[in-house]
Structures are given as C-alpha cells and as structure tokens.
C-alpha cells in the first residue's frame, strides 16, 4: 500500500470469531443420521460426507456477521449455503456432480429461510424467485 492501514482498516481485515458463551473452540457432533440424512429413492445416503446443518450453522455464526458472504467451493449438498441463508448471510456455492447439485438445490425448498428476498440462481439458468440474487449456485 501507499499508506499504512489505520486501526479501523486493520479491524476490517481481521478474522472474526464470536464463540458462543460456554463453548470452547473445539466442537464435536455425531455424524448425520435419521431425518437429517438425505437419501436417494432406493434408500441409500445421497452423499457419504453430509455435514450436520446445526454444526455448520454454528461455525458460520461464529466466523461471520449477518450480511457477509459465504463461499462454498465444493458444495456437495450445499449445507454451508443453507446455513448461511438461515443466518442472514449471502451464499455462493459450486458443485461439479449433477446428482449432488440437484439434491443440494432441492434442500432450499425443504428448509425454512428468512423472507429477505432470497433468490436461488443456478448455473443452469433456472431462477426460483424474482427478487435480488443473494444465493448463487454453480
């Protein structure tokens, strides 16, 4: 830079971590099972590494502020994008596998998301709403 960063500038660049009261920075959660586990019609798990939504939600709330953007480059079933939208963040995700992509996009119609003009836009050109795009899935 041409000039030194101010304290305010530096604060904006620092990592965020808002640990919930009574928690340490080591969190543990049993693997996904039961009704949370997405299953294909034949009864098998869609994705063997599906992340627990409540744990990912807690991680996002601890490491970002409402209105921040969350980028999920290896989306899988878009758990981080779903948690981000439920907590008032903008979400961007990517998934190369068409099966995971379709199941992941379908999760947004089955989980409650705050009514704030959420738009699900996919790279395949389908738009689920006419409001502003704050959720983009590739």
N, C-alpha and C. Protein backbone atom coordinates (compact mmCIF):
# COMPACT_ATOMS: atom_id res chain seq x y z
N UNK A 1 0.77 -1.18 0.00
CA UNK A 1 0.00 0.00 0.00
C UNK A 1 0.82 1.26 0.00
N UNK A 2 0.13 2.29 -0.30
CA UNK A 2 0.77 3.61 -0.35
C UNK A 2 0.80 4.27 1.02
N UNK A 3 -0.10 3.85 1.87
CA UNK A 3 -0.12 4.42 3.22
C UNK A 3 -0.43 3.31 4.22
N UNK A 4 0.02 3.48 5.45
CA UNK A 4 -0.22 2.44 6.45
C UNK A 4 -1.72 2.30 6.74
N UNK A 5 -2.11 1.09 7.09
CA UNK A 5 -3.51 0.83 7.43
C UNK A 5 -3.85 1.46 8.78
N UNK A 6 -5.04 2.01 8.87
CA UNK A 6 -5.49 2.56 10.15
C UNK A 6 -6.00 1.42 11.03
N UNK A 7 -6.24 1.70 12.27
CA UNK A 7 -6.78 0.69 13.18
C UNK A 7 -8.13 0.20 12.67
N UNK A 8 -8.94 1.07 12.12
CA UNK A 8 -10.24 0.69 11.58
C UNK A 8 -10.08 -0.23 10.37
N UNK A 9 -9.15 0.10 9.48
CA UNK A 9 -8.88 -0.75 8.31
C UNK A 9 -8.40 -2.12 8.75
N UNK A 10 -7.51 -2.16 9.72
CA UNK A 10 -6.96 -3.42 10.21
C UNK A 10 -8.07 -4.27 10.84
N UNK A 11 -8.96 -3.65 11.58
CA UNK A 11 -10.07 -4.38 12.23
C UNK A 11 -10.97 -5.04 11.19
N UNK A 12 -11.17 -4.41 10.06
CA UNK A 12 -11.99 -4.99 8.99
C UNK A 12 -11.36 -6.22 8.37
N UNK A 13 -10.02 -6.30 8.40
CA UNK A 13 -9.32 -7.41 7.78
C UNK A 13 -9.11 -8.59 8.72
N UNK A 14 -9.29 -8.38 9.99
CA UNK A 14 -9.03 -9.44 10.96
C UNK A 14 -10.06 -10.56 10.88
N UNK A 15 -9.63 -11.73 11.28
CA UNK A 15 -10.52 -12.89 11.32
C UNK A 15 -11.59 -12.67 12.38
N UNK A 16 -12.80 -13.08 12.08
CA UNK A 16 -13.91 -12.96 13.03
C UNK A 16 -14.09 -14.28 13.75
N UNK A 17 -14.30 -14.22 15.04
CA UNK A 17 -14.66 -15.43 15.79
C UNK A 17 -15.47 -15.02 17.00
N UNK A 18 -16.77 -15.27 16.95
CA UNK A 18 -17.70 -14.95 18.02
C UNK A 18 -18.14 -16.27 18.64
N UNK A 19 -17.33 -16.80 19.55
CA UNK A 19 -17.63 -18.10 20.15
C UNK A 19 -18.83 -17.98 21.08
N UNK A 20 -19.83 -18.85 20.93
CA UNK A 20 -20.99 -18.80 21.83
C UNK A 20 -20.55 -19.00 23.28
N UNK A 21 -21.20 -18.30 24.19
CA UNK A 21 -20.86 -18.40 25.62
C UNK A 21 -20.97 -19.85 26.09
N UNK A 22 -19.96 -20.29 26.81
CA UNK A 22 -19.97 -21.65 27.33
C UNK A 22 -19.37 -22.69 26.41
N UNK A 23 -18.91 -22.28 25.23
CA UNK A 23 -18.30 -23.20 24.27
C UNK A 23 -16.80 -22.92 24.18
N UNK A 24 -16.05 -23.94 23.89
CA UNK A 24 -14.65 -23.74 23.56
C UNK A 24 -14.54 -23.65 22.05
N UNK A 25 -13.33 -23.63 21.53
CA UNK A 25 -13.17 -23.59 20.08
C UNK A 25 -13.03 -25.00 19.49
N UNK A 26 -13.35 -26.02 20.28
CA UNK A 26 -13.38 -27.40 19.80
C UNK A 26 -14.82 -27.89 19.89
N UNK A 27 -15.43 -28.17 18.75
CA UNK A 27 -16.83 -28.57 18.71
C UNK A 27 -16.93 -29.98 18.17
N UNK A 28 -17.83 -30.73 18.75
CA UNK A 28 -17.98 -32.12 18.36
C UNK A 28 -19.46 -32.41 18.10
N UNK A 29 -19.72 -33.21 17.12
CA UNK A 29 -21.10 -33.54 16.75
C UNK A 29 -21.12 -34.92 16.14
N UNK A 30 -22.09 -35.72 16.48
CA UNK A 30 -22.23 -37.05 15.89
C UNK A 30 -22.51 -36.92 14.39
N UNK A 31 -22.20 -37.95 13.60
CA UNK A 31 -22.48 -37.90 12.15
C UNK A 31 -23.98 -37.73 11.88
N UNK A 32 -24.27 -37.23 10.70
CA UNK A 32 -25.66 -37.02 10.29
C UNK A 32 -26.37 -38.38 10.17
N UNK A 33 -27.58 -38.44 10.72
CA UNK A 33 -28.40 -39.65 10.58
C UNK A 33 -29.87 -39.28 10.70
N UNK A 34 -30.74 -40.24 10.63
CA UNK A 34 -32.18 -40.00 10.78
C UNK A 34 -32.75 -39.12 9.68
N UNK A 35 -33.67 -38.24 10.06
CA UNK A 35 -34.37 -37.42 9.08
C UNK A 35 -33.47 -36.35 8.46
N UNK A 36 -32.36 -36.02 9.11
CA UNK A 36 -31.45 -35.03 8.53
C UNK A 36 -30.67 -35.58 7.34
N UNK A 37 -30.45 -36.88 7.30
CA UNK A 37 -29.68 -37.52 6.24
C UNK A 37 -30.50 -37.54 4.95
N UNK A 38 -29.95 -36.97 3.88
CA UNK A 38 -30.62 -37.01 2.57
C UNK A 38 -30.41 -38.38 1.96
N UNK A 39 -31.51 -38.98 1.52
CA UNK A 39 -31.43 -40.32 0.93
C UNK A 39 -32.03 -40.33 -0.47
N UNK A 40 -31.45 -41.15 -1.31
CA UNK A 40 -31.96 -41.36 -2.66
C UNK A 40 -33.22 -42.23 -2.57
N UNK A 41 -34.03 -42.28 -3.63
CA UNK A 41 -35.25 -43.08 -3.59
C UNK A 41 -35.02 -44.55 -3.20
N UNK A 42 -33.85 -45.11 -3.53
CA UNK A 42 -33.60 -46.50 -3.16
C UNK A 42 -33.17 -46.66 -1.70
N UNK A 43 -33.13 -45.55 -0.94
CA UNK A 43 -32.85 -45.62 0.49
C UNK A 43 -31.41 -45.41 0.90
N UNK A 44 -30.50 -45.30 -0.06
CA UNK A 44 -29.09 -45.08 0.26
C UNK A 44 -28.81 -43.60 0.47
N UNK A 45 -27.80 -43.29 1.28
CA UNK A 45 -27.40 -41.90 1.51
C UNK A 45 -26.96 -41.28 0.18
N UNK A 46 -27.40 -40.07 -0.07
CA UNK A 46 -27.03 -39.37 -1.30
C UNK A 46 -25.54 -39.02 -1.28
N UNK A 47 -25.06 -38.52 -0.16
CA UNK A 47 -23.67 -38.08 -0.02
C UNK A 47 -23.13 -38.64 1.28
N UNK A 48 -22.03 -39.37 1.21
CA UNK A 48 -21.50 -40.04 2.40
C UNK A 48 -20.84 -39.08 3.38
N UNK A 49 -20.56 -37.86 2.97
CA UNK A 49 -19.91 -36.89 3.85
C UNK A 49 -20.80 -35.68 4.09
N UNK A 50 -22.09 -35.90 4.26
CA UNK A 50 -23.03 -34.81 4.53
C UNK A 50 -22.72 -34.22 5.90
N UNK A 51 -22.57 -32.90 5.95
CA UNK A 51 -22.24 -32.21 7.20
C UNK A 51 -23.52 -31.90 7.99
N UNK A 52 -23.42 -31.92 9.33
CA UNK A 52 -24.58 -31.58 10.17
C UNK A 52 -24.93 -30.10 10.04
N UNK A 53 -26.17 -29.80 9.70
CA UNK A 53 -26.60 -28.43 9.48
C UNK A 53 -26.42 -27.57 10.72
N UNK A 54 -26.76 -28.09 11.91
CA UNK A 54 -26.63 -27.28 13.13
C UNK A 54 -25.18 -26.93 13.44
N UNK A 55 -24.24 -27.83 13.17
CA UNK A 55 -22.83 -27.55 13.41
C UNK A 55 -22.32 -26.51 12.42
N UNK A 56 -22.66 -26.64 11.16
CA UNK A 56 -22.22 -25.68 10.14
C UNK A 56 -22.83 -24.31 10.42
N UNK A 57 -24.09 -24.28 10.86
CA UNK A 57 -24.74 -23.02 11.22
C UNK A 57 -23.97 -22.33 12.35
N UNK A 58 -23.57 -23.10 13.36
CA UNK A 58 -22.83 -22.54 14.49
C UNK A 58 -21.46 -22.01 14.04
N UNK A 59 -20.79 -22.72 13.15
CA UNK A 59 -19.50 -22.27 12.62
C UNK A 59 -19.66 -20.96 11.86
N UNK A 60 -20.69 -20.87 11.03
CA UNK A 60 -20.92 -19.65 10.25
C UNK A 60 -21.28 -18.48 11.16
N UNK A 61 -22.12 -18.70 12.15
CA UNK A 61 -22.47 -17.63 13.08
C UNK A 61 -21.25 -17.16 13.87
N UNK A 62 -20.33 -18.07 14.19
CA UNK A 62 -19.15 -17.71 14.96
C UNK A 62 -18.09 -17.00 14.12
N UNK A 63 -18.07 -17.24 12.82
CA UNK A 63 -16.98 -16.73 12.00
C UNK A 63 -17.38 -15.67 10.98
N UNK A 64 -18.61 -15.20 11.04
CA UNK A 64 -19.05 -14.15 10.11
C UNK A 64 -20.17 -13.34 10.75
N UNK A 65 -20.48 -12.24 10.13
CA UNK A 65 -21.57 -11.37 10.59
C UNK A 65 -22.72 -11.43 9.59
N UNK A 66 -23.95 -11.13 10.03
CA UNK A 66 -25.06 -11.07 9.07
C UNK A 66 -24.72 -10.11 7.93
N UNK A 67 -25.05 -10.53 6.72
CA UNK A 67 -24.76 -9.73 5.53
C UNK A 67 -23.44 -10.11 4.86
N UNK A 68 -22.55 -10.80 5.58
CA UNK A 68 -21.30 -11.27 4.98
C UNK A 68 -21.59 -12.33 3.92
N UNK A 69 -20.61 -12.59 3.07
CA UNK A 69 -20.75 -13.61 2.04
C UNK A 69 -20.06 -14.90 2.49
N UNK A 70 -20.68 -16.03 2.18
CA UNK A 70 -20.12 -17.35 2.45
C UNK A 70 -19.91 -18.04 1.11
N UNK A 71 -18.70 -18.52 0.87
CA UNK A 71 -18.36 -19.19 -0.38
C UNK A 71 -18.12 -20.67 -0.07
N UNK A 72 -18.87 -21.54 -0.73
CA UNK A 72 -18.74 -22.98 -0.56
C UNK A 72 -18.28 -23.58 -1.90
N UNK A 73 -16.95 -23.68 -2.12
CA UNK A 73 -16.44 -24.10 -3.43
C UNK A 73 -16.71 -25.55 -3.79
N UNK A 74 -16.81 -26.42 -2.80
CA UNK A 74 -17.11 -27.83 -3.05
C UNK A 74 -18.43 -28.12 -2.37
N UNK A 75 -19.52 -27.65 -2.97
CA UNK A 75 -20.82 -27.58 -2.33
C UNK A 75 -21.40 -28.89 -1.83
N UNK A 76 -21.20 -29.97 -2.54
CA UNK A 76 -21.85 -31.21 -2.12
C UNK A 76 -23.34 -30.99 -2.06
N UNK A 77 -23.89 -31.04 -0.87
CA UNK A 77 -25.33 -30.82 -0.67
C UNK A 77 -25.63 -29.40 -0.19
N UNK A 78 -24.67 -28.50 -0.33
CA UNK A 78 -24.82 -27.07 -0.01
C UNK A 78 -25.24 -26.81 1.43
N UNK A 79 -24.68 -27.56 2.38
CA UNK A 79 -25.01 -27.36 3.78
C UNK A 79 -24.58 -25.97 4.25
N UNK A 80 -23.38 -25.53 3.87
CA UNK A 80 -22.91 -24.21 4.30
C UNK A 80 -23.77 -23.10 3.68
N UNK A 81 -24.17 -23.26 2.43
CA UNK A 81 -25.03 -22.25 1.80
C UNK A 81 -26.39 -22.18 2.50
N UNK A 82 -26.93 -23.33 2.84
CA UNK A 82 -28.21 -23.36 3.53
C UNK A 82 -28.09 -22.72 4.91
N UNK A 83 -27.05 -23.04 5.65
CA UNK A 83 -26.83 -22.45 6.97
C UNK A 83 -26.61 -20.94 6.85
N UNK A 84 -25.88 -20.53 5.83
CA UNK A 84 -25.63 -19.10 5.62
C UNK A 84 -26.94 -18.35 5.38
N UNK A 85 -27.78 -18.89 4.52
CA UNK A 85 -29.06 -18.23 4.25
C UNK A 85 -29.95 -18.17 5.49
N UNK A 86 -29.94 -19.24 6.29
CA UNK A 86 -30.76 -19.26 7.51
C UNK A 86 -30.28 -18.27 8.54
N UNK A 87 -29.03 -17.85 8.46
CA UNK A 87 -28.48 -16.91 9.44
C UNK A 87 -28.26 -15.51 8.87
N UNK A 88 -28.85 -15.24 7.71
CA UNK A 88 -28.81 -13.88 7.15
C UNK A 88 -27.54 -13.52 6.42
N UNK A 89 -26.81 -14.50 5.90
CA UNK A 89 -25.62 -14.24 5.11
C UNK A 89 -25.93 -14.46 3.63
N UNK A 90 -25.11 -13.88 2.76
CA UNK A 90 -25.20 -14.16 1.33
C UNK A 90 -24.43 -15.44 1.07
N UNK A 91 -24.89 -16.27 0.16
CA UNK A 91 -24.25 -17.57 -0.05
C UNK A 91 -23.96 -17.81 -1.53
N UNK A 92 -22.79 -18.37 -1.78
CA UNK A 92 -22.35 -18.72 -3.11
C UNK A 92 -21.75 -20.12 -3.03
N UNK A 93 -22.19 -21.01 -3.90
CA UNK A 93 -21.69 -22.38 -3.84
C UNK A 93 -21.47 -22.96 -5.22
N UNK A 94 -20.67 -24.01 -5.28
CA UNK A 94 -20.33 -24.66 -6.53
C UNK A 94 -20.29 -26.17 -6.31
N UNK A 95 -20.78 -26.93 -7.27
CA UNK A 95 -20.72 -28.39 -7.21
C UNK A 95 -20.64 -28.93 -8.62
N UNK A 96 -19.70 -29.83 -8.87
CA UNK A 96 -19.48 -30.38 -10.20
C UNK A 96 -20.37 -31.61 -10.47
N UNK A 97 -20.73 -32.36 -9.44
CA UNK A 97 -21.53 -33.58 -9.60
C UNK A 97 -23.00 -33.21 -9.76
N UNK A 98 -23.64 -33.55 -10.89
CA UNK A 98 -25.03 -33.15 -11.12
C UNK A 98 -26.02 -33.74 -10.11
N UNK A 99 -25.75 -34.93 -9.60
CA UNK A 99 -26.66 -35.54 -8.62
C UNK A 99 -26.62 -34.76 -7.32
N UNK A 100 -25.42 -34.50 -6.81
CA UNK A 100 -25.29 -33.72 -5.58
C UNK A 100 -25.89 -32.33 -5.77
N UNK A 101 -25.63 -31.74 -6.96
CA UNK A 101 -26.14 -30.40 -7.24
C UNK A 101 -27.66 -30.36 -7.13
N UNK A 102 -28.35 -31.30 -7.78
CA UNK A 102 -29.81 -31.31 -7.76
C UNK A 102 -30.37 -31.54 -6.36
N UNK A 103 -29.80 -32.49 -5.62
CA UNK A 103 -30.26 -32.72 -4.25
C UNK A 103 -29.97 -31.50 -3.37
N UNK A 104 -28.82 -30.88 -3.58
CA UNK A 104 -28.46 -29.70 -2.80
C UNK A 104 -29.41 -28.54 -3.04
N UNK A 105 -29.73 -28.28 -4.30
CA UNK A 105 -30.67 -27.19 -4.62
C UNK A 105 -32.05 -27.48 -4.03
N UNK A 106 -32.45 -28.75 -4.05
CA UNK A 106 -33.78 -29.09 -3.52
C UNK A 106 -33.89 -28.84 -2.01
N UNK A 107 -32.76 -28.81 -1.30
CA UNK A 107 -32.81 -28.56 0.15
C UNK A 107 -33.37 -27.17 0.47
N UNK A 108 -33.23 -26.22 -0.44
CA UNK A 108 -33.67 -24.85 -0.17
C UNK A 108 -35.19 -24.72 -0.18
N UNK A 109 -35.89 -25.70 -0.72
CA UNK A 109 -37.35 -25.67 -0.68
C UNK A 109 -37.89 -26.43 0.52
N UNK A 110 -37.03 -27.20 1.21
CA UNK A 110 -37.47 -28.02 2.34
C UNK A 110 -37.06 -27.46 3.69
N UNK A 111 -36.23 -26.41 3.73
CA UNK A 111 -35.78 -25.83 4.99
C UNK A 111 -36.23 -24.37 5.04
N UNK A 112 -36.66 -23.90 6.19
CA UNK A 112 -37.11 -22.51 6.29
C UNK A 112 -35.94 -21.54 6.13
N UNK A 113 -36.15 -20.52 5.30
CA UNK A 113 -35.17 -19.46 5.09
C UNK A 113 -35.90 -18.15 5.34
N UNK A 114 -35.28 -17.21 6.09
CA UNK A 114 -35.95 -15.93 6.36
C UNK A 114 -36.36 -15.25 5.07
N UNK A 115 -37.50 -14.60 5.08
CA UNK A 115 -38.01 -13.92 3.89
C UNK A 115 -37.31 -12.58 3.75
N UNK A 116 -36.22 -12.56 2.99
CA UNK A 116 -35.45 -11.33 2.79
C UNK A 116 -35.11 -11.15 1.31
N UNK A 117 -35.94 -11.64 0.46
CA UNK A 117 -35.69 -11.52 -0.97
C UNK A 117 -34.73 -12.57 -1.49
N UNK A 118 -34.74 -13.75 -0.91
CA UNK A 118 -33.83 -14.80 -1.33
C UNK A 118 -34.15 -15.27 -2.74
N UNK A 119 -33.11 -15.36 -3.53
CA UNK A 119 -33.22 -15.88 -4.88
C UNK A 119 -32.24 -17.02 -5.02
N UNK A 120 -32.70 -18.12 -5.54
CA UNK A 120 -31.79 -19.21 -5.85
C UNK A 120 -31.56 -19.16 -7.35
N UNK A 121 -30.33 -18.87 -7.77
CA UNK A 121 -29.98 -18.82 -9.17
C UNK A 121 -28.98 -19.94 -9.42
N UNK A 122 -29.24 -20.76 -10.41
CA UNK A 122 -28.32 -21.85 -10.72
C UNK A 122 -27.64 -21.57 -12.05
N UNK A 123 -26.49 -22.19 -12.25
CA UNK A 123 -25.74 -22.00 -13.50
C UNK A 123 -26.51 -22.55 -14.69
N UNK A 124 -27.50 -23.36 -14.42
CA UNK A 124 -28.29 -23.93 -15.50
C UNK A 124 -29.41 -22.98 -15.94
N UNK A 125 -29.38 -21.75 -15.39
CA UNK A 125 -30.27 -20.72 -15.87
C UNK A 125 -31.64 -20.68 -15.23
N UNK A 126 -31.95 -21.58 -14.29
CA UNK A 126 -33.25 -21.54 -13.65
C UNK A 126 -33.21 -20.60 -12.46
N UNK A 127 -34.19 -19.76 -12.37
CA UNK A 127 -34.26 -18.81 -11.28
C UNK A 127 -35.52 -19.12 -10.48
N UNK A 128 -35.39 -19.25 -9.17
CA UNK A 128 -36.50 -19.68 -8.33
C UNK A 128 -37.34 -18.51 -7.81
N UNK A 129 -36.89 -17.27 -7.99
CA UNK A 129 -37.60 -16.12 -7.46
C UNK A 129 -37.31 -14.91 -8.33
N UNK A 130 -38.09 -13.86 -8.17
CA UNK A 130 -37.87 -12.66 -8.98
C UNK A 130 -37.12 -11.59 -8.19
N UNK A 131 -36.82 -11.83 -6.91
CA UNK A 131 -36.12 -10.85 -6.08
C UNK A 131 -34.63 -10.84 -6.40
N UNK A 132 -33.87 -10.04 -5.63
CA UNK A 132 -32.41 -9.93 -5.86
C UNK A 132 -31.72 -11.26 -5.62
N UNK A 133 -30.61 -11.46 -6.30
CA UNK A 133 -29.89 -12.73 -6.19
C UNK A 133 -28.84 -12.65 -5.08
N UNK A 134 -29.10 -13.32 -3.95
CA UNK A 134 -28.11 -13.37 -2.87
C UNK A 134 -27.75 -14.82 -2.55
N UNK A 135 -28.15 -15.74 -3.42
CA UNK A 135 -27.73 -17.13 -3.34
C UNK A 135 -27.46 -17.59 -4.75
N UNK A 136 -26.22 -17.91 -5.04
CA UNK A 136 -25.85 -18.32 -6.39
C UNK A 136 -25.17 -19.67 -6.31
N UNK A 137 -25.71 -20.65 -7.04
CA UNK A 137 -25.17 -21.99 -7.03
C UNK A 137 -24.74 -22.36 -8.44
N UNK A 138 -23.52 -22.85 -8.59
CA UNK A 138 -22.96 -23.23 -9.88
C UNK A 138 -22.92 -24.73 -10.00
